[in-house]
Amino acid sequence: MRRGWRKWIWLGPLAILGVFAFIVIGGEIVQQLWNWLMPALFGWRQISFWQALGLLLLCRILFGRHGFRTSHRSSMRRRMAERWEQMTPEEREKARQRFRGFCGPFEPPAAKPTT
């Protein structure tokens, strides 16, 4: 038990240091790329490190997944697979015909076997 406790003493500060390093390195990379490309390509002015961090945060908010591992597509695919399993063969064929009309050939989602 005591051995596991020692691991957490080192893991916490290392995690904080890693997050700090990731933020500093990410901000520096964004700043350097912006200052190298944007003034030469579009005539925009250079940005500071703090502006680069703000830009990185804005991109994370707009385009990032915010740390969640499941995506909307995977949950939608799972719901479609559950619906597909509950359909009768006639309903499945009707759905295939409907999907062929605007999506091309349709393959049903692969259902995971329940054990």
PDB file of N, CA and C in Angstrom:
ATOM      1  N   MET A   1       0.825  -1.191   0.000  1.00  0.00           N
ATOM      2  CA  MET A   1       0.000   0.000   0.000  1.00  0.00           C
ATOM      3  C   MET A   1       0.872   1.260   0.000  1.00  0.00           C
ATOM      4  N   ARG A   2       1.931   1.219   0.781  1.00  0.00           N
ATOM      5  CA  ARG A   2       2.785   2.391   0.883  1.00  0.00           C
ATOM      6  C   ARG A   2       3.496   2.681  -0.438  1.00  0.00           C
ATOM      7  N   ARG A   3       3.811   1.663  -1.176  1.00  0.00           N
ATOM      8  CA  ARG A   3       4.505   1.834  -2.439  1.00  0.00           C
ATOM      9  C   ARG A   3       3.634   2.591  -3.447  1.00  0.00           C
ATOM     10  N   GLY A   4       2.352   2.273  -3.504  1.00  0.00           N
ATOM     11  CA  GLY A   4       1.436   2.968  -4.395  1.00  0.00           C
ATOM     12  C   GLY A   4       1.281   4.432  -4.029  1.00  0.00           C
ATOM     13  N   TRP A   5       1.367   4.747  -2.756  1.00  0.00           N
ATOM     14  CA  TRP A   5       1.258   6.118  -2.290  1.00  0.00           C
ATOM     15  C   TRP A   5       2.435   6.954  -2.789  1.00  0.00           C
ATOM     16  N   ARG A   6       3.606   6.367  -2.809  1.00  0.00           N
ATOM     17  CA  ARG A   6       4.795   7.083  -3.281  1.00  0.00           C
ATOM     18  C   ARG A   6       4.688   7.417  -4.767  1.00  0.00           C
ATOM     19  N   LYS A   7       4.059   6.551  -5.498  1.00  0.00           N
ATOM     20  CA  LYS A   7       3.898   6.796  -6.933  1.00  0.00           C
ATOM     21  C   LYS A   7       3.066   8.056  -7.174  1.00  0.00           C
ATOM     22  N   TRP A   8       2.036   8.258  -6.390  1.00  0.00           N
ATOM     23  CA  TRP A   8       1.169   9.420  -6.565  1.00  0.00           C
ATOM     24  C   TRP A   8       1.861  10.715  -6.182  1.00  0.00           C
ATOM     25  N   ILE A   9       2.815  10.639  -5.262  1.00  0.00           N
ATOM     26  CA  ILE A   9       3.556  11.844  -4.877  1.00  0.00           C
ATOM     27  C   ILE A   9       4.317  12.392  -6.079  1.00  0.00           C
ATOM     28  N   TRP A  10       4.880  11.524  -6.889  1.00  0.00           N
ATOM     29  CA  TRP A  10       5.635  11.964  -8.067  1.00  0.00           C
ATOM     30  C   TRP A  10       4.739  12.207  -9.277  1.00  0.00           C
ATOM     31  N   LEU A  11       3.652  11.495  -9.377  1.00  0.00           N
ATOM     32  CA  LEU A  11       2.800  11.599 -10.555  1.00  0.00           C
ATOM     33  C   LEU A  11       2.078  12.936 -10.634  1.00  0.00           C
ATOM     34  N   GLY A  12       1.617  13.461  -9.526  1.00  0.00           N
ATOM     35  CA  GLY A  12       0.905  14.742  -9.515  1.00  0.00           C
ATOM     36  C   GLY A  12       1.761  15.900 -10.018  1.00  0.00           C
ATOM     37  N   PRO A  13       2.932  16.130  -9.413  1.00  0.00           N
ATOM     38  CA  PRO A  13       3.782  17.221  -9.909  1.00  0.00           C
ATOM     39  C   PRO A  13       4.245  17.019 -11.350  1.00  0.00           C
ATOM     40  N   LEU A  14       4.502  15.778 -11.740  1.00  0.00           N
ATOM     41  CA  LEU A  14       4.903  15.530 -13.123  1.00  0.00           C
ATOM     42  C   LEU A  14       3.765  15.844 -14.095  1.00  0.00           C
ATOM     43  N   ALA A  15       2.538  15.551 -13.703  1.00  0.00           N
ATOM     44  CA  ALA A  15       1.393  15.866 -14.557  1.00  0.00           C
ATOM     45  C   ALA A  15       1.231  17.373 -14.699  1.00  0.00           C
ATOM     46  N   ILE A  16       1.368  18.091 -13.602  1.00  0.00           N
ATOM     47  CA  ILE A  16       1.271  19.560 -13.656  1.00  0.00           C
ATOM     48  C   ILE A  16       2.386  20.135 -14.520  1.00  0.00           C
ATOM     49  N   LEU A  17       3.591  19.623 -14.358  1.00  0.00           N
ATOM     50  CA  LEU A  17       4.714  20.076 -15.168  1.00  0.00           C
ATOM     51  C   LEU A  17       4.493  19.757 -16.648  1.00  0.00           C
ATOM     52  N   GLY A  18       3.931  18.592 -16.926  1.00  0.00           N
ATOM     53  CA  GLY A  18       3.655  18.220 -18.316  1.00  0.00           C
ATOM     54  C   GLY A  18       2.621  19.119 -18.957  1.00  0.00           C
ATOM     55  N   VAL A  19       1.561  19.456 -18.234  1.00  0.00           N
ATOM     56  CA  VAL A  19       0.536  20.362 -18.755  1.00  0.00           C
ATOM     57  C   VAL A  19       1.148  21.738 -19.006  1.00  0.00           C
ATOM     58  N   PHE A  20       1.939  22.225 -18.062  1.00  0.00           N
ATOM     59  CA  PHE A  20       2.599  23.520 -18.221  1.00  0.00           C
ATOM     60  C   PHE A  20       3.518  23.514 -19.449  1.00  0.00           C
ATOM     61  N   ALA A  21       4.310  22.460 -19.620  1.00  0.00           N
ATOM     62  CA  ALA A  21       5.212  22.359 -20.776  1.00  0.00           C
ATOM     63  C   ALA A  21       4.423  22.297 -22.083  1.00  0.00           C
ATOM     64  N   PHE A  22       3.313  21.568 -22.081  1.00  0.00           N
ATOM     65  CA  PHE A  22       2.481  21.474 -23.281  1.00  0.00           C
ATOM     66  C   PHE A  22       1.928  22.841 -23.666  1.00  0.00           C
ATOM     67  N   ILE A  23       1.487  23.618 -22.688  1.00  0.00           N
ATOM     68  CA  ILE A  23       0.943  24.951 -22.953  1.00  0.00           C
ATOM     69  C   ILE A  23       2.037  25.869 -23.495  1.00  0.00           C
ATOM     70  N   VAL A  24       3.207  25.859 -22.871  1.00  0.00           N
ATOM     71  CA  VAL A  24       4.304  26.729 -23.306  1.00  0.00           C
ATOM     72  C   VAL A  24       4.773  26.344 -24.706  1.00  0.00           C
ATOM     73  N   ILE A  25       4.982  25.067 -24.941  1.00  0.00           N
ATOM     74  CA  ILE A  25       5.458  24.622 -26.250  1.00  0.00           C
ATOM     75  C   ILE A  25       4.398  24.880 -27.326  1.00  0.00           C
ATOM     76  N   GLY A  26       3.134  24.593 -27.008  1.00  0.00           N
ATOM     77  CA  GLY A  26       2.060  24.839 -27.977  1.00  0.00           C
ATOM     78  C   GLY A  26       1.933  26.307 -28.319  1.00  0.00           C
ATOM     79  N   GLY A  27       1.999  27.181 -27.324  1.00  0.00           N
ATOM     80  CA  GLY A  27       1.931  28.610 -27.572  1.00  0.00           C
ATOM     81  C   GLY A  27       3.100  29.107 -28.403  1.00  0.00           C
ATOM     82  N   GLU A  28       4.270  28.591 -28.103  1.00  0.00           N
ATOM     83  CA  GLU A  28       5.464  28.991 -28.858  1.00  0.00           C
ATOM     84  C   GLU A  28       5.377  28.524 -30.316  1.00  0.00           C
ATOM     85  N   ILE A  29       4.891  27.324 -30.530  1.00  0.00           N
ATOM     86  CA  ILE A  29       4.752  26.816 -31.901  1.00  0.00           C
ATOM     87  C   ILE A  29       3.744  27.647 -32.679  1.00  0.00           C
ATOM     88  N   VAL A  30       2.597  27.954 -32.066  1.00  0.00           N
ATOM     89  CA  VAL A  30       1.584  28.773 -32.747  1.00  0.00           C
ATOM     90  C   VAL A  30       2.150  30.154 -33.063  1.00  0.00           C
ATOM     91  N   GLN A  31       2.855  30.755 -32.114  1.00  0.00           N
ATOM     92  CA  GLN A  31       3.422  32.078 -32.334  1.00  0.00           C
ATOM     93  C   GLN A  31       4.438  32.056 -33.472  1.00  0.00           C
ATOM     94  N   GLN A  32       5.334  31.092 -33.455  1.00  0.00           N
ATOM     95  CA  GLN A  32       6.362  31.036 -34.490  1.00  0.00           C
ATOM     96  C   GLN A  32       5.757  30.784 -35.877  1.00  0.00           C
ATOM     97  N   LEU A  33       4.803  29.869 -35.956  1.00  0.00           N
ATOM     98  CA  LEU A  33       4.171  29.604 -37.249  1.00  0.00           C
ATOM     99  C   LEU A  33       3.398  30.814 -37.759  1.00  0.00           C
ATOM    100  N   TRP A  34       2.660  31.468 -36.867  1.00  0.00           N
ATOM    101  CA  TRP A  34       1.903  32.660 -37.267  1.00  0.00           C
ATOM    102  C   TRP A  34       2.859  33.747 -37.770  1.00  0.00           C
ATOM    103  N   ASN A  35       3.892  34.035 -36.962  1.00  0.00           N
ATOM    104  CA  ASN A  35       4.816  35.120 -37.314  1.00  0.00           C
ATOM    105  C   ASN A  35       5.644  34.798 -38.551  1.00  0.00           C
ATOM    106  N   TRP A  36       5.779  33.533 -38.883  1.00  0.00           N
ATOM    107  CA  TRP A  36       6.515  33.146 -40.070  1.00  0.00           C
ATOM    108  C   TRP A  36       5.629  33.212 -41.318  1.00  0.00           C
ATOM    109  N   LEU A  37       4.374  32.751 -41.187  1.00  0.00           N
ATOM    110  CA  LEU A  37       3.516  32.632 -42.361  1.00  0.00           C
ATOM    111  C   LEU A  37       2.605  33.832 -42.622  1.00  0.00           C
ATOM    112  N   MET A  38       1.880  34.275 -41.623  1.00  0.00           N
ATOM    113  CA  MET A  38       0.819  35.255 -41.863  1.00  0.00           C
ATOM    114  C   MET A  38       1.309  36.612 -42.367  1.00  0.00           C
ATOM    115  N   PRO A  39       2.373  37.178 -41.811  1.00  0.00           N
ATOM    116  CA  PRO A  39       2.834  38.459 -42.372  1.00  0.00           C
ATOM    117  C   PRO A  39       3.305  38.331 -43.824  1.00  0.00           C
ATOM    118  N   ALA A  40       3.969  37.230 -44.141  1.00  0.00           N
ATOM    119  CA  ALA A  40       4.467  37.057 -45.505  1.00  0.00           C
ATOM    120  C   ALA A  40       3.347  36.757 -46.497  1.00  0.00           C
ATOM    121  N   LEU A  41       2.361  35.959 -46.085  1.00  0.00           N
ATOM    122  CA  LEU A  41       1.292  35.574 -47.010  1.00  0.00           C
ATOM    123  C   LEU A  41       0.199  36.627 -47.142  1.00  0.00           C
ATOM    124  N   PHE A  42      -0.243  37.180 -46.018  1.00  0.00           N
ATOM    125  CA  PHE A  42      -1.412  38.058 -46.043  1.00  0.00           C
ATOM    126  C   PHE A  42      -1.126  39.488 -45.587  1.00  0.00           C
ATOM    127  N   GLY A  43       0.089  39.757 -45.150  1.00  0.00           N
ATOM    128  CA  GLY A  43       0.414  41.096 -44.682  1.00  0.00           C
ATOM    129  C   GLY A  43      -0.121  41.402 -43.293  1.00  0.00           C
ATOM    130  N   TRP A  44      -0.507  40.384 -42.541  1.00  0.00           N
ATOM    131  CA  TRP A  44      -1.008  40.597 -41.187  1.00  0.00           C
ATOM    132  C   TRP A  44       0.173  40.851 -40.269  1.00  0.00           C
ATOM    133  N   ARG A  45      -0.103  41.479 -39.121  1.00  0.00           N
ATOM    134  CA  ARG A  45       0.975  41.778 -38.197  1.00  0.00           C
ATOM    135  C   ARG A  45       1.334  40.560 -37.348  1.00  0.00           C
ATOM    136  N   GLN A  46       2.499  40.628 -36.733  1.00  0.00           N
ATOM    137  CA  GLN A  46       2.962  39.545 -35.881  1.00  0.00           C
ATOM    138  C   GLN A  46       2.204  39.571 -34.552  1.00  0.00           C
ATOM    139  N   ILE A  47       2.199  38.414 -33.868  1.00  0.00           N
ATOM    140  CA  ILE A  47       1.493  38.308 -32.598  1.00  0.00           C
ATOM    141  C   ILE A  47       2.479  37.978 -31.484  1.00  0.00           C
ATOM    142  N   SER A  48       2.066  38.262 -30.253  1.00  0.00           N
ATOM    143  CA  SER A  48       2.894  37.954 -29.093  1.00  0.00           C
ATOM    144  C   SER A  48       2.607  36.523 -28.620  1.00  0.00           C
ATOM    145  N   PHE A  49       3.389  36.089 -27.647  1.00  0.00           N
ATOM    146  CA  PHE A  49       3.188  34.751 -27.078  1.00  0.00           C
ATOM    147  C   PHE A  49       1.800  34.618 -26.460  1.00  0.00           C
ATOM    148  N   TRP A  50       1.347  35.652 -25.744  1.00  0.00           N
ATOM    149  CA  TRP A  50       0.047  35.584 -25.081  1.00  0.00           C
ATOM    150  C   TRP A  50      -1.094  35.586 -26.097  1.00  0.00           C
ATOM    151  N   GLN A  51      -0.932  36.309 -27.190  1.00  0.00           N
ATOM    152  CA  GLN A  51      -1.938  36.262 -28.246  1.00  0.00           C
ATOM    153  C   GLN A  51      -1.968  34.875 -28.892  1.00  0.00           C
ATOM    154  N   ALA A  52      -0.808  34.262 -29.026  1.00  0.00           N
ATOM    155  CA  ALA A  52      -0.750  32.910 -29.576  1.00  0.00           C
ATOM    156  C   ALA A  52      -1.447  31.913 -28.653  1.00  0.00           C
ATOM    157  N   LEU A  53      -1.262  32.071 -27.335  1.00  0.00           N
ATOM    158  CA  LEU A  53      -1.966  31.201 -26.388  1.00  0.00           C
ATOM    159  C   LEU A  53      -3.475  31.401 -26.487  1.00  0.00           C
ATOM    160  N   GLY A  54      -3.907  32.661 -26.628  1.00  0.00           N
ATOM    161  CA  GLY A  54      -5.332  32.943 -26.798  1.00  0.00           C
ATOM    162  C   GLY A  54      -5.877  32.323 -28.068  1.00  0.00           C
ATOM    163  N   LEU A  55      -5.103  32.391 -29.142  1.00  0.00           N
ATOM    164  CA  LEU A  55      -5.514  31.778 -30.405  1.00  0.00           C
ATOM    165  C   LEU A  55      -5.597  30.265 -30.280  1.00  0.00           C
ATOM    166  N   LEU A  56      -4.634  29.681 -29.581  1.00  0.00           N
ATOM    167  CA  LEU A  56      -4.645  28.230 -29.357  1.00  0.00           C
ATOM    168  C   LEU A  56      -5.865  27.816 -28.538  1.00  0.00           C
ATOM    169  N   LEU A  57      -6.194  28.587 -27.507  1.00  0.00           N
ATOM    170  CA  LEU A  57      -7.369  28.304 -26.687  1.00  0.00           C
ATOM    171  C   LEU A  57      -8.654  28.464 -27.494  1.00  0.00           C
ATOM    172  N   LEU A  58      -8.723  29.516 -28.313  1.00  0.00           N
ATOM    173  CA  LEU A  58      -9.901  29.727 -29.150  1.00  0.00           C
ATOM    174  C   LEU A  58     -10.106  28.567 -30.120  1.00  0.00           C
ATOM    175  N   CYS A  59      -9.030  28.093 -30.734  1.00  0.00           N
ATOM    176  CA  CYS A  59      -9.141  26.949 -31.648  1.00  0.00           C
ATOM    177  C   CYS A  59      -9.573  25.694 -30.900  1.00  0.00           C
ATOM    178  N   ARG A  60      -9.087  25.528 -29.694  1.00  0.00           N
ATOM    179  CA  ARG A  60      -9.482  24.370 -28.886  1.00  0.00           C
ATOM    180  C   ARG A  60     -10.970  24.425 -28.555  1.00  0.00           C
ATOM    181  N   ILE A  61     -11.468  25.626 -28.235  1.00  0.00           N
ATOM    182  CA  ILE A  61     -12.889  25.777 -27.926  1.00  0.00           C
ATOM    183  C   ILE A  61     -13.739  25.533 -29.162  1.00  0.00           C
ATOM    184  N   LEU A  62     -13.329  26.091 -30.290  1.00  0.00           N
ATOM    185  CA  LEU A  62     -14.142  25.985 -31.504  1.00  0.00           C
ATOM    186  C   LEU A  62     -14.057  24.621 -32.171  1.00  0.00           C
ATOM    187  N   PHE A  63     -12.866  24.027 -32.204  1.00  0.00           N
ATOM    188  CA  PHE A  63     -12.671  22.815 -32.990  1.00  0.00           C
ATOM    189  C   PHE A  63     -12.290  21.593 -32.179  1.00  0.00           C
ATOM    190  N   GLY A  64     -11.953  21.753 -30.913  1.00  0.00           N
ATOM    191  CA  GLY A  64     -11.481  20.638 -30.095  1.00  0.00           C
ATOM    192  C   GLY A  64     -12.614  19.784 -29.571  1.00  0.00           C
ATOM    193  N   ARG A  65     -12.234  18.663 -28.994  1.00  0.00           N
ATOM    194  CA  ARG A  65     -13.221  17.740 -28.430  1.00  0.00           C
ATOM    195  C   ARG A  65     -13.359  17.915 -26.929  1.00  0.00           C
ATOM    196  N   HIS A  66     -12.654  18.852 -26.359  1.00  0.00           N
ATOM    197  CA  HIS A  66     -12.752  19.193 -24.940  1.00  0.00           C
ATOM    198  C   HIS A  66     -12.435  18.015 -24.029  1.00  0.00           C
ATOM    199  N   GLY A  67     -11.589  17.099 -24.469  1.00  0.00           N
ATOM    200  CA  GLY A  67     -11.166  15.995 -23.627  1.00  0.00           C
ATOM    201  C   GLY A  67     -12.109  14.806 -23.602  1.00  0.00           C
ATOM    202  N   PHE A  68     -13.245  14.878 -24.300  1.00  0.00           N
ATOM    203  CA  PHE A  68     -14.164  13.753 -24.314  1.00  0.00           C
ATOM    204  C   PHE A  68     -13.715  12.762 -25.383  1.00  0.00           C
ATOM    205  N   ARG A  69     -13.749  11.504 -25.054  1.00  0.00           N
ATOM    206  CA  ARG A  69     -13.274  10.482 -25.984  1.00  0.00           C
ATOM    207  C   ARG A  69     -14.340  10.034 -26.973  1.00  0.00           C
ATOM    208  N   THR A  70     -15.599  10.089 -26.617  1.00  0.00           N
ATOM    209  CA  THR A  70     -16.641   9.646 -27.530  1.00  0.00           C
ATOM    210  C   THR A  70     -17.033  10.803 -28.428  1.00  0.00           C
ATOM    211  N   SER A  71     -17.255  10.502 -29.657  1.00  0.00           N
ATOM    212  CA  SER A  71     -17.676  11.537 -30.581  1.00  0.00           C
ATOM    213  C   SER A  71     -19.155  11.381 -30.883  1.00  0.00           C
ATOM    214  N   HIS A  72     -19.714  12.397 -31.472  1.00  0.00           N
ATOM    215  CA  HIS A  72     -21.131  12.361 -31.841  1.00  0.00           C
ATOM    216  C   HIS A  72     -21.384  11.244 -32.850  1.00  0.00           C
ATOM    217  N   ARG A  73     -20.440  11.039 -33.751  1.00  0.00           N
ATOM    218  CA  ARG A  73     -20.619  10.004 -34.768  1.00  0.00           C
ATOM    219  C   ARG A  73     -20.685   8.609 -34.161  1.00  0.00           C
ATOM    220  N   SER A  74     -19.843   8.333 -33.172  1.00  0.00           N
ATOM    221  CA  SER A  74     -19.845   6.995 -32.594  1.00  0.00           C
ATOM    222  C   SER A  74     -21.139   6.729 -31.837  1.00  0.00           C
ATOM    223  N   SER A  75     -21.663   7.729 -31.140  1.00  0.00           N
ATOM    224  CA  SER A  75     -22.919   7.518 -30.430  1.00  0.00           C
ATOM    225  C   SER A  75     -24.075   7.387 -31.423  1.00  0.00           C
ATOM    226  N   MET A  76     -24.012   8.148 -32.517  1.00  0.00           N
ATOM    227  CA  MET A  76     -25.046   8.045 -33.533  1.00  0.00           C
ATOM    228  C   MET A  76     -24.985   6.667 -34.207  1.00  0.00           C
ATOM    229  N   ARG A  77     -23.777   6.181 -34.469  1.00  0.00           N
ATOM    230  CA  ARG A  77     -23.607   4.867 -35.092  1.00  0.00           C
ATOM    231  C   ARG A  77     -24.136   3.763 -34.172  1.00  0.00           C
ATOM    232  N   ARG A  78     -23.888   3.905 -32.869  1.00  0.00           N
ATOM    233  CA  ARG A  78     -24.362   2.906 -31.905  1.00  0.00           C
ATOM    234  C   ARG A  78     -25.896   2.883 -31.857  1.00  0.00           C
ATOM    235  N   ARG A  79     -26.514   4.073 -31.854  1.00  0.00           N
ATOM    236  CA  ARG A  79     -27.980   4.130 -31.851  1.00  0.00           C
ATOM    237  C   ARG A  79     -28.558   3.528 -33.127  1.00  0.00           C
ATOM    238  N   MET A  80     -27.911   3.786 -34.266  1.00  0.00           N
ATOM    239  CA  MET A  80     -28.391   3.228 -35.532  1.00  0.00           C
ATOM    240  C   MET A  80     -28.277   1.702 -35.524  1.00  0.00           C
ATOM    241  N   ALA A  81     -27.198   1.175 -34.956  1.00  0.00           N
ATOM    242  CA  ALA A  81     -27.042  -0.278 -34.878  1.00  0.00           C
ATOM    243  C   ALA A  81     -28.127  -0.897 -33.992  1.00  0.00           C
ATOM    244  N   GLU A  82     -28.453  -0.222 -32.894  1.00  0.00           N
ATOM    245  CA  GLU A  82     -29.519  -0.731 -32.019  1.00  0.00           C
ATOM    246  C   GLU A  82     -30.873  -0.712 -32.739  1.00  0.00           C
ATOM    247  N   ARG A  83     -31.138   0.355 -33.465  1.00  0.00           N
ATOM    248  CA  ARG A  83     -32.396   0.417 -34.226  1.00  0.00           C
ATOM    249  C   ARG A  83     -32.451  -0.671 -35.285  1.00  0.00           C
ATOM    250  N   TRP A  84     -31.312  -0.881 -35.959  1.00  0.00           N
ATOM    251  CA  TRP A  84     -31.253  -1.873 -37.027  1.00  0.00           C
ATOM    252  C   TRP A  84     -31.570  -3.270 -36.492  1.00  0.00           C
ATOM    253  N   GLU A  85     -31.054  -3.592 -35.317  1.00  0.00           N
ATOM    254  CA  GLU A  85     -31.304  -4.903 -34.728  1.00  0.00           C
ATOM    255  C   GLU A  85     -32.777  -5.105 -34.372  1.00  0.00           C
ATOM    256  N   GLN A  86     -33.469  -4.033 -34.048  1.00  0.00           N
ATOM    257  CA  GLN A  86     -34.874  -4.139 -33.647  1.00  0.00           C
ATOM    258  C   GLN A  86     -35.828  -4.182 -34.833  1.00  0.00           C
ATOM    259  N   MET A  87     -35.326  -3.925 -36.041  1.00  0.00           N
ATOM    260  CA  MET A  87     -36.196  -3.908 -37.224  1.00  0.00           C
ATOM    261  C   MET A  87     -36.491  -5.322 -37.706  1.00  0.00           C
ATOM    262  N   THR A  88     -37.658  -5.459 -38.306  1.00  0.00           N
ATOM    263  CA  THR A  88     -38.003  -6.717 -38.964  1.00  0.00           C
ATOM    264  C   THR A  88     -37.304  -6.741 -40.322  1.00  0.00           C
ATOM    265  N   PRO A  89     -37.196  -7.920 -40.956  1.00  0.00           N
ATOM    266  CA  PRO A  89     -36.566  -7.979 -42.282  1.00  0.00           C
ATOM    267  C   PRO A  89     -37.240  -7.063 -43.314  1.00  0.00           C
ATOM    268  N   GLU A  90     -38.559  -6.928 -43.239  1.00  0.00           N
ATOM    269  CA  GLU A  90     -39.253  -6.053 -44.183  1.00  0.00           C
ATOM    270  C   GLU A  90     -38.881  -4.590 -43.941  1.00  0.00           C
ATOM    271  N   GLU A  91     -38.790  -4.196 -42.657  1.00  0.00           N
ATOM    272  CA  GLU A  91     -38.409  -2.822 -42.346  1.00  0.00           C
ATOM    273  C   GLU A  91     -36.969  -2.540 -42.770  1.00  0.00           C
ATOM    274  N   ARG A  92     -36.105  -3.536 -42.624  1.00  0.00           N
ATOM    275  CA  ARG A  92     -34.713  -3.365 -43.045  1.00  0.00           C
ATOM    276  C   ARG A  92     -34.619  -3.153 -44.553  1.00  0.00           C
ATOM    277  N   GLU A  93     -35.357  -3.942 -45.312  1.00  0.00           N
ATOM    278  CA  GLU A  93     -35.326  -3.795 -46.764  1.00  0.00           C
ATOM    279  C   GLU A  93     -35.886  -2.445 -47.185  1.00  0.00           C
ATOM    280  N   LYS A  94     -36.934  -2.011 -46.521  1.00  0.00           N
ATOM    281  CA  LYS A  94     -37.517  -0.704 -46.808  1.00  0.00           C
ATOM    282  C   LYS A  94     -36.501   0.408 -46.504  1.00  0.00           C
ATOM    283  N   ALA A  95     -35.774   0.280 -45.404  1.00  0.00           N
ATOM    284  CA  ALA A  95     -34.749   1.266 -45.053  1.00  0.00           C
ATOM    285  C   ALA A  95     -33.622   1.256 -46.071  1.00  0.00           C
ATOM    286  N   ARG A  96     -33.215   0.062 -46.532  1.00  0.00           N
ATOM    287  CA  ARG A  96     -32.166  -0.034 -47.554  1.00  0.00           C
ATOM    288  C   ARG A  96     -32.585   0.699 -48.832  1.00  0.00           C
ATOM    289  N   GLN A  97     -33.831   0.478 -49.254  1.00  0.00           N
ATOM    290  CA  GLN A  97     -34.326   1.139 -50.462  1.00  0.00           C
ATOM    291  C   GLN A  97     -34.336   2.658 -50.285  1.00  0.00           C
ATOM    292  N   ARG A  98     -34.739   3.115 -49.121  1.00  0.00           N
ATOM    293  CA  ARG A  98     -34.792   4.547 -48.852  1.00  0.00           C
ATOM    294  C   ARG A  98     -33.376   5.155 -48.856  1.00  0.00           C
ATOM    295  N   PHE A  99     -32.404   4.443 -48.261  1.00  0.00           N
ATOM    296  CA  PHE A  99     -31.033   4.951 -48.215  1.00  0.00           C
ATOM    297  C   PHE A  99     -30.374   4.898 -49.592  1.00  0.00           C
ATOM    298  N   ARG A 100     -30.678   3.907 -50.389  1.00  0.00           N
ATOM    299  CA  ARG A 100     -30.096   3.818 -51.732  1.00  0.00           C
ATOM    300  C   ARG A 100     -30.480   5.020 -52.579  1.00  0.00           C
ATOM    301  N   GLY A 101     -31.665   5.566 -52.305  1.00  0.00           N
ATOM    302  CA  GLY A 101     -32.131   6.695 -53.094  1.00  0.00           C
ATOM    303  C   GLY A 101     -31.249   7.925 -52.983  1.00  0.00           C
ATOM    304  N   PHE A 102     -30.639   8.147 -51.836  1.00  0.00           N
ATOM    305  CA  PHE A 102     -29.824   9.354 -51.694  1.00  0.00           C
ATOM    306  C   PHE A 102     -28.436   9.121 -51.124  1.00  0.00           C
ATOM    307  N   CYS A 103     -28.082   7.894 -50.790  1.00  0.00           N
ATOM    308  CA  CYS A 103     -26.749   7.642 -50.239  1.00  0.00           C
ATOM    309  C   CYS A 103     -25.941   6.633 -51.039  1.00  0.00           C
ATOM    310  N   GLY A 104     -26.507   6.029 -52.037  1.00  0.00           N
ATOM    311  CA  GLY A 104     -25.808   4.971 -52.740  1.00  0.00           C
ATOM    312  C   GLY A 104     -26.028   3.645 -52.030  1.00  0.00           C
ATOM    313  N   PRO A 105     -25.216   2.636 -52.339  1.00  0.00           N
ATOM    314  CA  PRO A 105     -25.392   1.331 -51.692  1.00  0.00           C
ATOM    315  C   PRO A 105     -25.242   1.445 -50.178  1.00  0.00           C
ATOM    316  N   PHE A 106     -26.125   0.766 -49.468  1.00  0.00           N
ATOM    317  CA  PHE A 106     -26.149   0.868 -48.009  1.00  0.00           C
ATOM    318  C   PHE A 106     -25.782  -0.451 -47.382  1.00  0.00           C
ATOM    319  N   GLU A 107     -24.815  -0.411 -46.473  1.00  0.00           N
ATOM    320  CA  GLU A 107     -24.449  -1.563 -45.673  1.00  0.00           C
ATOM    321  C   GLU A 107     -24.875  -1.264 -44.240  1.00  0.00           C
ATOM    322  N   PRO A 108     -25.611  -2.149 -43.620  1.00  0.00           N
ATOM    323  CA  PRO A 108     -26.044  -1.893 -42.241  1.00  0.00           C
ATOM    324  C   PRO A 108     -24.854  -1.856 -41.308  1.00  0.00           C
ATOM    325  N   PRO A 109     -24.967  -1.137 -40.203  1.00  0.00           N
ATOM    326  CA  PRO A 109     -23.858  -1.093 -39.244  1.00  0.00           C
ATOM    327  C   PRO A 109     -23.617  -2.467 -38.636  1.00  0.00           C
ATOM    328  N   ALA A 110     -22.366  -2.784 -38.436  1.00  0.00           N
ATOM    329  CA  ALA A 110     -22.026  -4.074 -37.855  1.00  0.00           C
ATOM    330  C   ALA A 110     -22.435  -4.089 -36.386  1.00  0.00           C
ATOM    331  N   ALA A 111     -23.267  -5.034 -36.047  1.00  0.00           N
ATOM    332  CA  ALA A 111     -23.729  -5.148 -34.669  1.00  0.00           C
ATOM    333  C   ALA A 111     -22.731  -5.950 -33.868  1.00  0.00           C
ATOM    334  N   LYS A 112     -22.446  -5.497 -32.664  1.00  0.00           N
ATOM    335  CA  LYS A 112     -21.539  -6.213 -31.786  1.00  0.00           C
ATOM    336  C   LYS A 112     -22.318  -7.315 -31.078  1.00  0.00           C
ATOM    337  N   PRO A 113     -21.785  -8.522 -31.069  1.00  0.00           N
ATOM    338  CA  PRO A 113     -22.516  -9.614 -30.390  1.00  0.00           C
ATOM    339  C   PRO A 113     -22.550  -9.371 -28.887  1.00  0.00           C
ATOM    340  N   THR A 114     -23.712  -9.566 -28.323  1.00  0.00           N
ATOM    341  CA  THR A 114     -23.852  -9.432 -26.877  1.00  0.00           C
ATOM    342  C   THR A 114     -23.586 -10.769 -26.218  1.00  0.00           C
ATOM    343  N   THR A 115     -22.759 -10.747 -25.212  1.00  0.00           N
ATOM    344  CA  THR A 115     -22.375 -11.978 -24.545  1.00  0.00           C
ATOM    345  C   THR A 115     -22.946 -12.020 -23.163  1.00  0.00           C
TER     346      THR A 115
END
